[in-house]
């Protein structure tokens, strides 16, 4: 179950999402690998769910391993997920 306000990191392959899960669990972060909600378009059908309070640590851990997600979404309601970050931002801005 995904609660309103929780974040979902979506990757472009099952291999990348499972590697990300391993990295984050080694760091003892409270994350969970879940089937991606139907409302989200994903290539691999999986996402990593986590609370917004640990979003900076999650992002930094994945960035250190050069394993950033394709997109990050925040659940706003039962049917609405807002995209709050995308890898395209890095390509466009260099950040």
Protein backbone atom coordinates (compact mmCIF):
# COMPACT_ATOMS: atom_id res chain seq x y z
CA UNK A 1 0.00 0.00 0.00
CA UNK A 2 1.20 3.47 -0.86
CA UNK A 3 0.21 6.29 1.45
CA UNK A 4 -0.39 9.85 0.32
CA UNK A 5 2.89 11.77 0.43
CA UNK A 6 5.10 8.73 -0.08
CA UNK A 7 7.58 8.72 -2.94
CA UNK A 8 8.13 6.19 -5.71
CA UNK A 9 11.41 5.88 -7.58
CA UNK A 10 10.84 4.39 -11.04
CA UNK A 11 13.67 2.86 -13.07
CA UNK A 12 13.93 1.89 -16.72
CA UNK A 13 14.87 -1.75 -16.13
CA UNK A 14 14.27 -4.51 -13.60
CA UNK A 15 18.03 -4.94 -13.21
CA UNK A 16 18.51 -1.28 -12.20
CA UNK A 17 15.61 -1.23 -9.73
CA UNK A 18 16.79 -4.43 -8.03
CA UNK A 19 20.36 -3.11 -7.82
CA UNK A 20 19.01 0.14 -6.33
CA UNK A 21 16.99 -1.86 -3.80
CA UNK A 22 20.14 -3.73 -2.76
CA UNK A 23 22.14 -0.52 -2.33
CA UNK A 24 19.42 1.15 -0.26
CA UNK A 25 18.82 -1.89 1.94
CA UNK A 26 22.57 -2.16 2.62
CA UNK A 27 22.30 1.42 3.86
CA UNK A 28 19.49 0.28 6.17
CA UNK A 29 17.00 2.67 4.61
CA UNK A 30 13.29 2.02 5.05
CA UNK A 31 12.36 1.28 1.43
CA UNK A 32 10.21 -1.35 -0.23
CA UNK A 33 10.29 -2.77 -3.76
CA UNK A 34 6.70 -2.83 -5.03
CA UNK A 35 4.77 -3.33 -8.26
CA UNK A 36 4.45 0.08 -9.90
CA UNK A 37 0.92 1.49 -9.76
CA UNK A 38 -1.00 1.32 -13.02
CA UNK A 39 -1.23 5.10 -13.06
CA UNK A 40 2.53 5.26 -13.69
CA UNK A 41 4.19 4.34 -16.94
CA UNK A 42 7.21 2.15 -16.21
CA UNK A 43 9.41 -0.01 -18.38
CA UNK A 44 10.00 -2.67 -15.73
CA UNK A 45 6.76 -2.63 -13.73
CA UNK A 46 8.52 -2.10 -10.39
CA UNK A 47 9.17 0.90 -8.15
CA UNK A 48 10.89 1.65 -4.86
CA UNK A 49 8.57 3.16 -2.24
CA UNK A 50 9.89 5.35 0.58
CA UNK A 51 8.88 8.21 2.86
CA UNK A 52 9.68 11.80 1.92
CA UNK A 53 11.67 12.24 5.15
CA UNK A 54 14.48 10.07 3.76
CA UNK A 55 14.33 11.34 0.17
CA UNK A 56 17.66 13.19 0.34
CA UNK A 57 19.48 10.14 1.70
CA UNK A 58 17.89 7.87 -0.92
CA UNK A 59 18.83 10.25 -3.73
CA UNK A 60 22.40 10.74 -2.48
CA UNK A 61 22.91 6.98 -2.01
CA UNK A 62 21.79 6.27 -5.57
CA UNK A 63 23.73 9.21 -7.03
CA UNK A 64 26.92 7.96 -5.36
CA UNK A 65 26.47 4.68 -7.24
CA UNK A 66 25.50 6.44 -10.51
CA UNK A 67 22.14 4.68 -10.33
CA UNK A 68 19.56 7.45 -10.37
CA UNK A 69 15.97 6.53 -11.20
CA UNK A 70 14.28 7.56 -14.43
CA UNK A 71 11.62 9.45 -12.41
CA UNK A 72 10.42 10.09 -8.89
CA UNK A 73 6.72 10.50 -8.11
CA UNK A 74 4.82 11.59 -5.00
CA UNK A 75 1.41 10.06 -4.31
CA UNK A 76 -1.13 12.85 -3.94
CA UNK A 77 -4.36 10.81 -3.85
CA UNK A 78 -5.71 7.38 -4.79
CA UNK A 79 -5.42 8.14 -8.50
CA UNK A 80 -2.93 11.02 -8.69
CA UNK A 81 0.85 10.73 -8.73
CA UNK A 82 2.84 13.92 -9.27
CA UNK A 83 6.20 13.61 -11.01
CA UNK A 84 8.59 15.59 -8.81
CA UNK A 85 11.89 14.67 -10.48
CA UNK A 86 13.08 13.18 -13.73
CA UNK A 87 16.48 12.16 -15.08
CA UNK A 88 15.79 14.44 -18.05
CA UNK A 89 16.38 17.36 -15.66
CA UNK A 90 20.00 16.30 -15.30
CA UNK A 91 20.50 16.01 -19.03
CA UNK A 92 18.99 19.46 -19.65
CA UNK A 93 20.60 21.36 -16.77
CA UNK A 94 23.69 19.32 -16.02
CA UNK A 95 22.62 19.06 -12.34
